[in-house]
């Protein structure tokens, strides 16, 4: 059984027991989070597709840790003009373990 959920502007395919990294959501270690924006639920041969969301479907997960991704360096330059600019970015992430998918 798996589901497709929407969080942080992205879609994730999850099953019970999966550990995923999503964009940061509020909560501490050990907190339970429910996702109501379920786009698709599949159980064996039965597939339910939402319009846009599946009614009554929920995915619950437990926060394992709040972390950051690796650093991305951004370097801009215009040749022969003396313009150079270097910046970076580290995206804040939440690592979650999916507990169950309920319909």
Protein backbone atom coordinates (compact mmCIF):
# COMPACT_ATOMS: atom_id res chain seq x y z
CA UNK A 1 0.00 0.00 0.00
CA UNK A 2 1.32 3.44 -0.91
CA UNK A 3 0.12 7.01 -1.19
CA UNK A 4 1.18 10.21 -2.90
CA UNK A 5 1.12 13.23 -0.57
CA UNK A 6 1.70 16.91 -1.22
CA UNK A 7 3.83 18.95 1.19
CA UNK A 8 6.13 21.90 0.74
CA UNK A 9 5.07 22.36 -2.88
CA UNK A 10 6.33 18.89 -3.79
CA UNK A 11 4.78 15.45 -4.13
CA UNK A 12 6.16 12.39 -2.33
CA UNK A 13 5.31 8.70 -2.82
CA UNK A 14 5.23 7.10 0.63
CA UNK A 15 4.55 3.71 2.19
CA UNK A 16 4.28 2.70 5.85
CA UNK A 17 7.77 2.51 7.37
CA UNK A 18 9.44 4.84 4.82
CA UNK A 19 11.85 7.53 6.03
CA UNK A 20 11.61 10.69 3.91
CA UNK A 21 13.12 14.18 3.95
CA UNK A 22 10.67 17.01 3.30
CA UNK A 23 10.86 20.78 3.55
CA UNK A 24 10.81 21.95 7.16
CA UNK A 25 7.52 21.73 9.03
CA UNK A 26 6.88 22.87 12.58
CA UNK A 27 7.32 20.35 15.37
CA UNK A 28 9.92 18.67 17.51
CA UNK A 29 11.47 15.25 17.65
CA UNK A 30 8.86 12.56 18.31
CA UNK A 31 5.84 14.69 17.31
CA UNK A 32 3.14 13.12 15.15
CA UNK A 33 2.11 14.94 11.98
CA UNK A 34 -0.95 14.24 9.80
CA UNK A 35 -1.03 14.95 6.06
CA UNK A 36 -4.53 15.63 4.69
CA UNK A 37 -3.43 16.54 1.16
CA UNK A 38 -3.38 12.98 -0.21
CA UNK A 39 -3.44 12.91 -4.01
CA UNK A 40 -3.51 9.14 -4.60
CA UNK A 41 -3.95 5.97 -2.54
CA UNK A 42 -3.19 2.49 -3.84
CA UNK A 43 -4.02 -0.74 -2.06
CA UNK A 44 -3.22 -3.90 -4.08
CA UNK A 45 -5.26 -3.44 -7.29
CA UNK A 46 -7.54 -0.71 -5.89
CA UNK A 47 -6.27 2.75 -6.89
CA UNK A 48 -8.05 5.91 -5.72
CA UNK A 49 -7.14 9.18 -7.42
CA UNK A 50 -8.35 12.41 -5.85
CA UNK A 51 -9.84 15.47 -7.52
CA UNK A 52 -7.58 17.09 -6.28
CA UNK A 53 -7.45 15.22 -2.94
CA UNK A 54 -8.79 11.82 -1.84
CA UNK A 55 -11.62 12.45 0.64
CA UNK A 56 -11.12 10.87 4.05
CA UNK A 57 -7.54 9.77 3.41
CA UNK A 58 -4.81 10.63 5.90
CA UNK A 59 -1.14 9.82 6.23
CA UNK A 60 0.48 10.00 9.65
CA UNK A 61 4.17 10.31 10.32
CA UNK A 62 6.60 10.87 13.17
CA UNK A 63 9.32 13.52 13.11
CA UNK A 64 12.75 11.94 13.54
CA UNK A 65 14.86 15.12 13.35
CA UNK A 66 15.10 18.67 12.03
CA UNK A 67 18.20 19.07 9.85
CA UNK A 68 19.73 20.98 6.93
CA UNK A 69 20.72 19.80 3.47
CA UNK A 70 24.23 20.19 2.10
CA UNK A 71 25.36 23.68 1.13
CA UNK A 72 24.85 24.89 -2.42
CA UNK A 73 27.29 27.55 -3.66
CA UNK A 74 25.99 30.19 -6.06
CA UNK A 75 28.62 32.14 -8.02
CA UNK A 76 27.75 34.96 -10.41
CA UNK A 77 30.26 36.73 -12.66
CA UNK A 78 30.27 39.07 -15.64
CA UNK A 79 33.45 38.83 -17.64
CA UNK A 80 35.63 41.90 -18.14
CA UNK A 81 33.40 43.99 -15.82
CA UNK A 82 34.90 43.14 -12.43
CA UNK A 83 31.57 41.85 -11.11
CA UNK A 84 31.76 38.78 -8.90
CA UNK A 85 29.25 37.63 -6.30
CA UNK A 86 29.34 34.45 -4.23
CA UNK A 87 26.47 33.31 -2.01
CA UNK A 88 25.23 30.01 -0.64
CA UNK A 89 22.09 28.27 0.54
CA UNK A 90 21.23 25.42 2.92
CA UNK A 91 17.65 24.20 2.82
CA UNK A 92 16.09 23.33 6.17
CA UNK A 93 14.62 19.81 6.16
CA UNK A 94 12.52 17.56 8.36
CA UNK A 95 13.29 13.85 8.42
CA UNK A 96 10.11 11.82 8.96
CA UNK A 97 9.10 8.20 9.37
CA UNK A 98 5.71 7.32 7.89
CA UNK A 99 3.58 5.40 10.40
CA UNK A 100 0.36 4.55 8.58
CA UNK A 101 -1.90 5.35 5.66
CA UNK A 102 -5.62 5.41 6.45
CA UNK A 103 -8.55 5.72 4.05
